[in-house]
Structure formats: structure tokens, C-alpha cells
Amino acid sequence: MMGHWGLWLLGGLVLAIGAGVFTVVWWKVGDQWADAEYKRFGHGGGGPGGGDAPKVISRFDEDSFDEDGDDEDRE
């Protein structure tokens, strides 16, 4: 039968292999989720993938917008 140290070694080996398998499965599931989000919403822009940068609203009050609801023609 295995000695005391052999049991600890076996437990550590099982733990290390289990952690590696868990990590690979976690990455695979996360990658599938990210692909689904990309297909659902697109890239989002502003990053290395190109596209327009997101618009930043620095001030939000009613008189900062004109009749059509944007602040494009504001002076």
C-alpha cells in the first residue's frame, strides 16, 4: 500500500490535472460565449477592430440638445 507521502503526491497530481482540465474547459466555454456576443452585438467599435469610437456625453441637460435630439449643430 502507498505510504503517507504517496497519498499526498497522488492528491496533488489529481488536483493539478483537474485544475488544468477545468481551465481549458473554462476558456472554451468563455470563447463560445464571446463569439455568440460578437455575433449578437457586433464589435462595438473604438478598439483595434475598427469602427467609430463610442460617443461620450460629457454634459446631459435638456438645453444642450437641439430639436432633433442630438447635439451635432450646437455652438
Protein backbone atom coordinates (compact mmCIF):
# COMPACT_ATOMS: atom_id res chain seq x y z
CA MET A 1 0.00 0.00 0.00
CA MET A 2 1.08 3.63 -0.55
CA GLY A 3 2.73 5.50 2.22
CA HIS A 4 1.63 8.79 3.65
CA TRP A 5 3.74 10.82 1.16
CA GLY A 6 2.46 8.80 -1.79
CA LEU A 7 -1.10 9.73 -0.91
CA TRP A 8 -0.21 13.44 -0.79
CA LEU A 9 1.62 13.13 -4.10
CA LEU A 10 -1.34 11.40 -5.73
CA GLY A 11 -3.73 14.04 -4.36
CA GLY A 12 -1.54 16.87 -5.67
CA LEU A 13 -1.30 15.23 -9.06
CA VAL A 14 -5.08 14.79 -9.27
CA LEU A 15 -5.57 18.40 -8.19
CA ALA A 16 -3.08 19.72 -10.77
CA ILE A 17 -4.61 17.71 -13.62
CA GLY A 18 -8.13 18.69 -12.53
CA ALA A 19 -7.20 22.38 -12.42
CA GLY A 20 -5.67 22.17 -15.91
CA VAL A 21 -8.73 20.46 -17.36
CA PHE A 22 -11.03 22.96 -15.64
CA THR A 23 -9.04 25.89 -17.05
CA VAL A 24 -9.17 24.54 -20.61
CA VAL A 25 -12.93 23.93 -20.37
CA TRP A 26 -13.44 27.39 -18.85
CA TRP A 27 -11.56 29.01 -21.75
CA LYS A 28 -13.55 27.02 -24.29
CA VAL A 29 -16.90 27.98 -22.77
CA GLY A 30 -15.81 31.63 -22.45
CA ASP A 31 -14.67 31.70 -26.06
CA GLN A 32 -18.02 30.31 -27.23
CA TRP A 33 -19.81 32.95 -25.16
CA ALA A 34 -17.64 35.74 -26.60
CA ASP A 35 -18.30 34.51 -30.16
CA ALA A 36 -22.05 34.48 -29.51
CA GLU A 37 -21.92 38.03 -28.09
CA TYR A 38 -19.92 39.21 -31.10
CA LYS A 39 -22.50 37.70 -33.47
CA ARG A 40 -25.33 39.23 -31.46
CA PHE A 41 -23.99 42.76 -30.95
CA GLY A 42 -21.08 43.21 -33.36
CA HIS A 43 -17.69 44.59 -32.44
CA GLY A 44 -18.73 47.76 -30.65
CA GLY A 45 -16.11 49.99 -32.25
CA GLY A 46 -13.39 52.13 -30.83
CA GLY A 47 -10.85 49.37 -30.47
CA PRO A 48 -8.38 47.56 -32.68
CA GLY A 49 -11.25 46.06 -34.70
CA GLY A 50 -12.04 49.42 -36.25
CA GLY A 51 -15.34 51.20 -36.43
CA ASP A 52 -16.34 54.52 -34.99
CA ALA A 53 -15.31 55.38 -31.48
CA PRO A 54 -18.17 55.47 -28.99
CA LYS A 55 -19.73 58.88 -28.42
CA VAL A 56 -19.01 60.32 -24.98
CA ILE A 57 -21.66 62.52 -23.39
CA SER A 58 -19.86 64.94 -21.13
CA ARG A 59 -22.89 67.02 -20.18
CA PHE A 60 -26.50 65.91 -20.07
CA ASP A 61 -29.19 68.50 -19.66
CA GLU A 62 -32.21 69.44 -21.73
CA ASP A 63 -30.88 72.69 -23.25
CA SER A 64 -27.72 71.03 -24.56
CA PHE A 65 -29.75 69.29 -27.31
CA ASP A 66 -31.49 70.83 -30.30
CA GLU A 67 -34.92 69.89 -31.75
CA ASP A 68 -33.90 66.59 -33.34
CA GLY A 69 -32.46 65.29 -30.06
CA ASP A 70 -28.75 65.43 -30.79
CA ASP A 71 -26.08 68.00 -30.11
CA GLU A 72 -24.46 67.97 -33.57
CA ASP A 73 -25.29 71.58 -34.52
CA ARG A 74 -24.68 73.05 -31.10
CA GLU A 75 -22.32 76.01 -30.85
